[in-house]
Amino acid sequence: MTMSDPDWLVWARELQAIAQTGLTFTRDPYDRERYQAIRLLAARMFAAHSDSPVDRIVALFSGETGYATPKVDVRAAVFDDHEHLLMVRESADGGRWTLPGGWADVNLSAAENATKEVLEESGYDVQVQKLAAVWDRTRQGHPNGVFSCCKLFFICEPIGGTPTTGIETSEVAWFAENDIPQDLSLGRVLPRQIRRMFTHRRHPALPADFE
């Protein structure tokens, strides 16, 4: 089933993207004022449906420059020789479990971002085996987010390192398919996504999933 955001969130994102792109390319001072007004309107829409004040949302939007594009989140599904999956417990988000990952950094490929996140969050060096999925956060049914987001999932294998928590994690552990924790960080990973990673592990020739 295809998931969707509420209309107000879709409209607010579109207004913010129009304002961001317009402010990037306009040279007309009057148009600049109009785009700033559109950005403020988008922020007011977000504030009306959340606990965040308008000023905070405007500051968040103001940090976004250039042509508006989706954010990129990378997730690594790391499997050991016993077909156990590596997971980390987030220090934030109530200490819930997730696959290692995060926002992609510049000057690194998507796969390099995945290996970096695993090392930083779990202490393991890994090698990427394949791209398993390219999913839209909204259509997957994750909780609503301010920005549009594309999520990339990679199948990986450990090649070294030792379990070590990082700044963002409080625990590192391996889980069998039937023992995946129930308290998942749903903003980062969903139960059916984890099940799909096990399927990709068992069938490495499967093509990458996408919408």
C-alpha atoms as a PDB file:
ATOM      1  CA  MET A   1       0.000   0.000   0.000  1.00  0.00           C
ATOM      2  CA  THR A   2       1.342   3.431  -0.918  1.00  0.00           C
ATOM      3  CA  MET A   3       1.592   5.770   2.043  1.00  0.00           C
ATOM      4  CA  SER A   4       1.081   9.515   1.825  1.00  0.00           C
ATOM      5  CA  ASP A   5       1.617  12.596   3.967  1.00  0.00           C
ATOM      6  CA  PRO A   6      -1.295  14.834   4.947  1.00  0.00           C
ATOM      7  CA  ASP A   7      -2.100  17.514   2.389  1.00  0.00           C
ATOM      8  CA  TRP A   8      -0.895  20.365   4.596  1.00  0.00           C
ATOM      9  CA  LEU A   9       2.566  18.772   4.887  1.00  0.00           C
ATOM     10  CA  VAL A  10       2.848  18.200   1.130  1.00  0.00           C
ATOM     11  CA  TRP A  11       1.824  21.791   0.436  1.00  0.00           C
ATOM     12  CA  ALA A  12       4.164  23.230   3.070  1.00  0.00           C
ATOM     13  CA  ARG A  13       7.115  21.246   1.665  1.00  0.00           C
ATOM     14  CA  GLU A  14       6.316  22.442  -1.853  1.00  0.00           C
ATOM     15  CA  LEU A  15       6.102  26.057  -0.707  1.00  0.00           C
ATOM     16  CA  GLN A  16       9.422  25.747   1.120  1.00  0.00           C
ATOM     17  CA  ALA A  17      11.061  24.202  -1.959  1.00  0.00           C
ATOM     18  CA  ILE A  18       9.700  26.957  -4.218  1.00  0.00           C
ATOM     19  CA  ALA A  19      10.977  29.606  -1.817  1.00  0.00           C
ATOM     20  CA  GLN A  20      14.402  27.982  -1.446  1.00  0.00           C
ATOM     21  CA  THR A  21      14.930  27.569  -5.179  1.00  0.00           C
ATOM     22  CA  GLY A  22      13.562  31.048  -5.912  1.00  0.00           C
ATOM     23  CA  LEU A  23      15.867  32.682  -3.366  1.00  0.00           C
ATOM     24  CA  THR A  24      18.787  30.841  -4.938  1.00  0.00           C
ATOM     25  CA  PHE A  25      18.260  32.093  -8.470  1.00  0.00           C
ATOM     26  CA  THR A  26      16.410  35.413  -8.268  1.00  0.00           C
ATOM     27  CA  ARG A  27      18.258  38.697  -8.757  1.00  0.00           C
ATOM     28  CA  ASP A  28      15.184  40.858  -8.280  1.00  0.00           C
ATOM     29  CA  PRO A  29      14.890  42.344  -4.752  1.00  0.00           C
ATOM     30  CA  TYR A  30      11.089  42.376  -4.974  1.00  0.00           C
ATOM     31  CA  ASP A  31      10.990  38.710  -5.935  1.00  0.00           C
ATOM     32  CA  ARG A  32      13.340  37.990  -3.038  1.00  0.00           C
ATOM     33  CA  GLU A  33      10.822  39.549  -0.655  1.00  0.00           C
ATOM     34  CA  ARG A  34       8.053  37.446  -2.184  1.00  0.00           C
ATOM     35  CA  TYR A  35      10.032  34.213  -1.790  1.00  0.00           C
ATOM     36  CA  GLN A  36      10.855  35.103   1.807  1.00  0.00           C
ATOM     37  CA  ALA A  37       7.132  35.620   2.393  1.00  0.00           C
ATOM     38  CA  ILE A  38       6.429  32.188   0.877  1.00  0.00           C
ATOM     39  CA  ARG A  39       9.066  30.635   3.143  1.00  0.00           C
ATOM     40  CA  LEU A  40       7.454  32.280   6.169  1.00  0.00           C
ATOM     41  CA  LEU A  41       4.046  30.954   5.089  1.00  0.00           C
ATOM     42  CA  ALA A  42       5.460  27.422   4.859  1.00  0.00           C
ATOM     43  CA  ALA A  43       6.981  27.790   8.320  1.00  0.00           C
ATOM     44  CA  ARG A  44       3.652  28.977   9.719  1.00  0.00           C
ATOM     45  CA  MET A  45       1.945  25.923   8.246  1.00  0.00           C
ATOM     46  CA  PHE A  46       4.468  23.609   9.919  1.00  0.00           C
ATOM     47  CA  ALA A  47       4.204  25.463  13.226  1.00  0.00           C
ATOM     48  CA  ALA A  48       0.411  25.211  13.188  1.00  0.00           C
ATOM     49  CA  HIS A  49       0.659  21.417  13.118  1.00  0.00           C
ATOM     50  CA  SER A  50       3.608  20.925  15.477  1.00  0.00           C
ATOM     51  CA  ASP A  51       5.093  22.069  18.776  1.00  0.00           C
ATOM     52  CA  SER A  52       7.885  24.045  17.092  1.00  0.00           C
ATOM     53  CA  PRO A  53       7.731  27.871  17.045  1.00  0.00           C
ATOM     54  CA  VAL A  54       7.703  29.670  13.699  1.00  0.00           C
ATOM     55  CA  ASP A  55      11.090  31.308  14.308  1.00  0.00           C
ATOM     56  CA  ARG A  56      12.751  27.932  14.804  1.00  0.00           C
ATOM     57  CA  ILE A  57      11.293  26.552  11.592  1.00  0.00           C
ATOM     58  CA  VAL A  58      12.269  29.676   9.640  1.00  0.00           C
ATOM     59  CA  ALA A  59      15.826  29.251  10.929  1.00  0.00           C
ATOM     60  CA  LEU A  60      15.778  25.617   9.781  1.00  0.00           C
ATOM     61  CA  PHE A  61      14.555  26.610   6.327  1.00  0.00           C
ATOM     62  CA  SER A  62      17.069  29.457   6.088  1.00  0.00           C
ATOM     63  CA  GLY A  63      19.894  26.948   6.423  1.00  0.00           C
ATOM     64  CA  GLU A  64      18.778  25.264   3.200  1.00  0.00           C
ATOM     65  CA  THR A  65      20.230  26.874   0.090  1.00  0.00           C
ATOM     66  CA  GLY A  66      20.529  25.961  -3.568  1.00  0.00           C
ATOM     67  CA  TYR A  67      18.061  24.051  -5.685  1.00  0.00           C
ATOM     68  CA  ALA A  68      15.707  22.166  -3.377  1.00  0.00           C
ATOM     69  CA  THR A  69      16.176  18.379  -3.560  1.00  0.00           C
ATOM     70  CA  PRO A  70      15.305  15.459  -1.238  1.00  0.00           C
ATOM     71  CA  LYS A  71      17.569  14.655   1.687  1.00  0.00           C
ATOM     72  CA  VAL A  72      19.515  11.374   1.423  1.00  0.00           C
ATOM     73  CA  ASP A  73      19.551   8.881   4.301  1.00  0.00           C
ATOM     74  CA  VAL A  74      21.740   5.749   4.138  1.00  0.00           C
ATOM     75  CA  ARG A  75      21.196   2.559   6.130  1.00  0.00           C
ATOM     76  CA  ALA A  76      23.511  -0.460   6.363  1.00  0.00           C
ATOM     77  CA  ALA A  77      22.176  -3.993   6.859  1.00  0.00           C
ATOM     78  CA  VAL A  78      25.307  -5.800   8.080  1.00  0.00           C
ATOM     79  CA  PHE A  79      25.143  -9.608   8.322  1.00  0.00           C
ATOM     80  CA  ASP A  80      27.664 -11.931   9.952  1.00  0.00           C
ATOM     81  CA  ASP A  81      28.425 -15.554   9.021  1.00  0.00           C
ATOM     82  CA  HIS A  82      25.563 -16.754  11.219  1.00  0.00           C
ATOM     83  CA  GLU A  83      23.043 -14.597   9.322  1.00  0.00           C
ATOM     84  CA  HIS A  84      22.645 -12.287  12.291  1.00  0.00           C
ATOM     85  CA  LEU A  85      21.922  -8.608  11.658  1.00  0.00           C
ATOM     86  CA  LEU A  86      23.906  -5.792  13.253  1.00  0.00           C
ATOM     87  CA  MET A  87      21.800  -3.182  15.046  1.00  0.00           C
ATOM     88  CA  VAL A  88      22.599  -0.198  17.249  1.00  0.00           C
ATOM     89  CA  ARG A  89      20.625   1.428  20.027  1.00  0.00           C
ATOM     90  CA  GLU A  90      20.221   5.168  19.512  1.00  0.00           C
ATOM     91  CA  SER A  91      21.221   7.472  22.364  1.00  0.00           C
ATOM     92  CA  ALA A  92      18.387   9.746  21.232  1.00  0.00           C
ATOM     93  CA  ASP A  93      14.829   8.767  20.268  1.00  0.00           C
ATOM     94  CA  GLY A  94      14.184   6.972  23.547  1.00  0.00           C
ATOM     95  CA  GLY A  95      17.079   4.564  23.122  1.00  0.00           C
ATOM     96  CA  ARG A  96      15.404   2.597  20.345  1.00  0.00           C
ATOM     97  CA  TRP A  97      17.103   0.184  17.938  1.00  0.00           C
ATOM     98  CA  THR A  98      17.922   0.800  14.288  1.00  0.00           C
ATOM     99  CA  LEU A  99      20.249  -0.138  11.474  1.00  0.00           C
ATOM    100  CA  PRO A 100      23.455   1.916  11.468  1.00  0.00           C
ATOM    101  CA  GLY A 101      23.099   4.945   9.230  1.00  0.00           C
ATOM    102  CA  GLY A 102      22.263   8.606   8.924  1.00  0.00           C
ATOM    103  CA  TRP A 103      22.270  11.599   6.606  1.00  0.00           C
ATOM    104  CA  ALA A 104      24.724  11.279   3.724  1.00  0.00           C
ATOM    105  CA  ASP A 105      27.778  13.536   3.921  1.00  0.00           C
ATOM    106  CA  VAL A 106      29.187  15.436   0.959  1.00  0.00           C
ATOM    107  CA  ASN A 107      32.315  14.251  -0.891  1.00  0.00           C
ATOM    108  CA  LEU A 108      31.494  10.599  -0.153  1.00  0.00           C
ATOM    109  CA  SER A 109      29.624   8.123  -2.310  1.00  0.00           C
ATOM    110  CA  ALA A 110      26.444   6.597  -0.937  1.00  0.00           C
ATOM    111  CA  ALA A 111      28.269   3.324  -0.204  1.00  0.00           C
ATOM    112  CA  GLU A 112      31.136   5.169   1.486  1.00  0.00           C
ATOM    113  CA  ASN A 113      28.608   6.968   3.656  1.00  0.00           C
ATOM    114  CA  ALA A 114      27.143   3.626   4.706  1.00  0.00           C
ATOM    115  CA  THR A 115      30.520   2.194   5.740  1.00  0.00           C
ATOM    116  CA  LYS A 116      31.402   5.402   7.578  1.00  0.00           C
ATOM    117  CA  GLU A 117      28.175   5.343   9.561  1.00  0.00           C
ATOM    118  CA  VAL A 118      28.662   1.705  10.557  1.00  0.00           C
ATOM    119  CA  LEU A 119      32.189   2.371  11.819  1.00  0.00           C
ATOM    120  CA  GLU A 120      31.155   5.481  13.742  1.00  0.00           C
ATOM    121  CA  GLU A 121      28.063   3.918  15.328  1.00  0.00           C
ATOM    122  CA  SER A 122      29.167   0.312  15.926  1.00  0.00           C
ATOM    123  CA  GLY A 123      32.978   0.073  15.684  1.00  0.00           C
ATOM    124  CA  TYR A 124      32.871  -2.418  12.794  1.00  0.00           C
ATOM    125  CA  ASP A 125      34.611  -2.082   9.446  1.00  0.00           C
ATOM    126  CA  VAL A 126      32.319  -3.362   6.709  1.00  0.00           C
ATOM    127  CA  GLN A 127      32.292  -3.955   2.986  1.00  0.00           C
ATOM    128  CA  VAL A 128      29.232  -3.119   0.929  1.00  0.00           C
ATOM    129  CA  GLN A 129      27.903  -6.082  -1.048  1.00  0.00           C
ATOM    130  CA  LYS A 130      24.949  -4.558  -2.876  1.00  0.00           C
ATOM    131  CA  LEU A 131      22.371  -1.799  -2.974  1.00  0.00           C
ATOM    132  CA  ALA A 132      19.166  -3.418  -1.703  1.00  0.00           C
ATOM    133  CA  ALA A 133      16.618  -0.608  -1.804  1.00  0.00           C
ATOM    134  CA  VAL A 134      15.975   3.020  -2.710  1.00  0.00           C
ATOM    135  CA  TRP A 135      12.815   4.075  -0.899  1.00  0.00           C
ATOM    136  CA  ASP A 136      10.914   7.296  -0.352  1.00  0.00           C
ATOM    137  CA  ARG A 137      10.445   7.951   3.373  1.00  0.00           C
ATOM    138  CA  THR A 138       6.842   9.092   3.037  1.00  0.00           C
ATOM    139  CA  ARG A 139       5.719   6.253   0.774  1.00  0.00           C
ATOM    140  CA  GLN A 140       7.293   3.741   3.131  1.00  0.00           C
ATOM    141  CA  GLY A 141       5.119   5.013   5.979  1.00  0.00           C
ATOM    142  CA  HIS A 142       7.745   6.542   8.260  1.00  0.00           C
ATOM    143  CA  PRO A 143       6.624   9.315  10.630  1.00  0.00           C
ATOM    144  CA  ASN A 144       6.203  12.700   8.960  1.00  0.00           C
ATOM    145  CA  GLY A 145       9.351  14.709   8.317  1.00  0.00           C
ATOM    146  CA  VAL A 146       9.907  18.350   7.451  1.00  0.00           C
ATOM    147  CA  PHE A 147      11.894  17.610   4.300  1.00  0.00           C
ATOM    148  CA  SER A 148      11.397  15.078   1.533  1.00  0.00           C
ATOM    149  CA  CYS A 149      13.796  12.156   2.018  1.00  0.00           C
ATOM    150  CA  CYS A 150      15.231   9.335  -0.084  1.00  0.00           C
ATOM    151  CA  LYS A 151      16.438   6.284   1.897  1.00  0.00           C
ATOM    152  CA  LEU A 152      19.179   3.979   0.544  1.00  0.00           C
ATOM    153  CA  PHE A 153      19.675   0.524   2.091  1.00  0.00           C
ATOM    154  CA  PHE A 154      22.888  -1.473   1.544  1.00  0.00           C
ATOM    155  CA  ILE A 155      23.703  -5.107   2.328  1.00  0.00           C
ATOM    156  CA  CYS A 156      27.124  -5.286   4.006  1.00  0.00           C
ATOM    157  CA  GLU A 157      29.526  -7.785   5.573  1.00  0.00           C
ATOM    158  CA  PRO A 158      31.962  -7.136   8.447  1.00  0.00           C
ATOM    159  CA  ILE A 159      35.669  -7.233   7.598  1.00  0.00           C
ATOM    160  CA  GLY A 160      37.111  -6.109  10.932  1.00  0.00           C
ATOM    161  CA  GLY A 161      36.702  -3.965  14.001  1.00  0.00           C
ATOM    162  CA  THR A 162      35.236  -4.561  17.440  1.00  0.00           C
ATOM    163  CA  PRO A 163      31.848  -3.581  18.901  1.00  0.00           C
ATOM    164  CA  THR A 164      32.169   0.008  20.105  1.00  0.00           C
ATOM    165  CA  THR A 165      29.445   2.536  20.776  1.00  0.00           C
ATOM    166  CA  GLY A 166      29.701   6.037  19.336  1.00  0.00           C
ATOM    167  CA  ILE A 167      28.436   9.498  20.146  1.00  0.00           C
ATOM    168  CA  GLU A 168      24.974   8.613  18.807  1.00  0.00           C
ATOM    169  CA  THR A 169      24.701   5.023  20.077  1.00  0.00           C
ATOM    170  CA  SER A 170      24.541   3.355  23.498  1.00  0.00           C
ATOM    171  CA  GLU A 171      24.581  -0.338  22.549  1.00  0.00           C
ATOM    172  CA  VAL A 172      25.706  -2.611  19.700  1.00  0.00           C
ATOM    173  CA  ALA A 173      24.285  -6.117  19.155  1.00  0.00           C
ATOM    174  CA  TRP A 174      23.594  -8.852  16.594  1.00  0.00           C
ATOM    175  CA  PHE A 175      20.114 -10.316  16.126  1.00  0.00           C
ATOM    176  CA  ALA A 176      18.641 -13.364  14.412  1.00  0.00           C
ATOM    177  CA  GLU A 177      15.704 -12.756  12.084  1.00  0.00           C
ATOM    178  CA  ASN A 178      13.174 -13.960  14.654  1.00  0.00           C
ATOM    179  CA  ASP A 179      14.689 -11.924  17.482  1.00  0.00           C
ATOM    180  CA  ILE A 180      14.620  -8.395  16.043  1.00  0.00           C
ATOM    181  CA  PRO A 181      13.845  -5.884  18.851  1.00  0.00           C
ATOM    182  CA  GLN A 182      10.313  -4.560  19.014  1.00  0.00           C
ATOM    183  CA  ASP A 183      11.339  -1.065  20.116  1.00  0.00           C
ATOM    184  CA  LEU A 184      12.564   0.190  16.742  1.00  0.00           C
ATOM    185  CA  SER A 185      13.329   3.786  15.858  1.00  0.00           C
ATOM    186  CA  LEU A 186      10.546   4.013  13.281  1.00  0.00           C
ATOM    187  CA  GLY A 187      11.782   7.323  11.919  1.00  0.00           C
ATOM    188  CA  ARG A 188      14.873   5.435  10.764  1.00  0.00           C
ATOM    189  CA  VAL A 189      13.783   1.882   9.973  1.00  0.00           C
ATOM    190  CA  LEU A 190      10.562  -0.133   9.794  1.00  0.00           C
ATOM    191  CA  PRO A 191      10.014  -3.824  10.645  1.00  0.00           C
ATOM    192  CA  ARG A 192       9.114  -4.778   7.075  1.00  0.00           C
ATOM    193  CA  GLN A 193      12.253  -3.051   5.791  1.00  0.00           C
ATOM    194  CA  ILE A 194      14.345  -5.210   8.101  1.00  0.00           C
ATOM    195  CA  ARG A 195      12.517  -8.331   6.912  1.00  0.00           C
ATOM    196  CA  ARG A 196      13.255  -7.294   3.347  1.00  0.00           C
ATOM    197  CA  MET A 197      16.962  -6.977   4.147  1.00  0.00           C
ATOM    198  CA  PHE A 198      17.004 -10.608   5.293  1.00  0.00           C
ATOM    199  CA  THR A 199      15.377 -11.548   1.983  1.00  0.00           C
ATOM    200  CA  HIS A 200      18.071  -9.692   0.053  1.00  0.00           C
ATOM    201  CA  ARG A 201      20.725 -11.412   2.142  1.00  0.00           C
ATOM    202  CA  ARG A 202      19.308 -14.837   1.269  1.00  0.00           C
ATOM    203  CA  HIS A 203      18.906 -13.928  -2.406  1.00  0.00           C
ATOM    204  CA  PRO A 204      21.833 -11.692  -3.400  1.00  0.00           C
ATOM    205  CA  ALA A 205      20.795 -11.679  -7.067  1.00  0.00           C
ATOM    206  CA  LEU A 206      17.587  -9.795  -6.278  1.00  0.00           C
ATOM    207  CA  PRO A 207      17.497  -6.372  -7.941  1.00  0.00           C
ATOM    208  CA  ALA A 208      17.272  -3.288  -5.765  1.00  0.00           C
ATOM    209  CA  ASP A 209      13.771  -2.375  -4.589  1.00  0.00           C
ATOM    210  CA  PHE A 210      12.384   1.001  -5.537  1.00  0.00           C
ATOM    211  CA  GLU A 211       9.057   2.798  -5.883  1.00  0.00           C
END
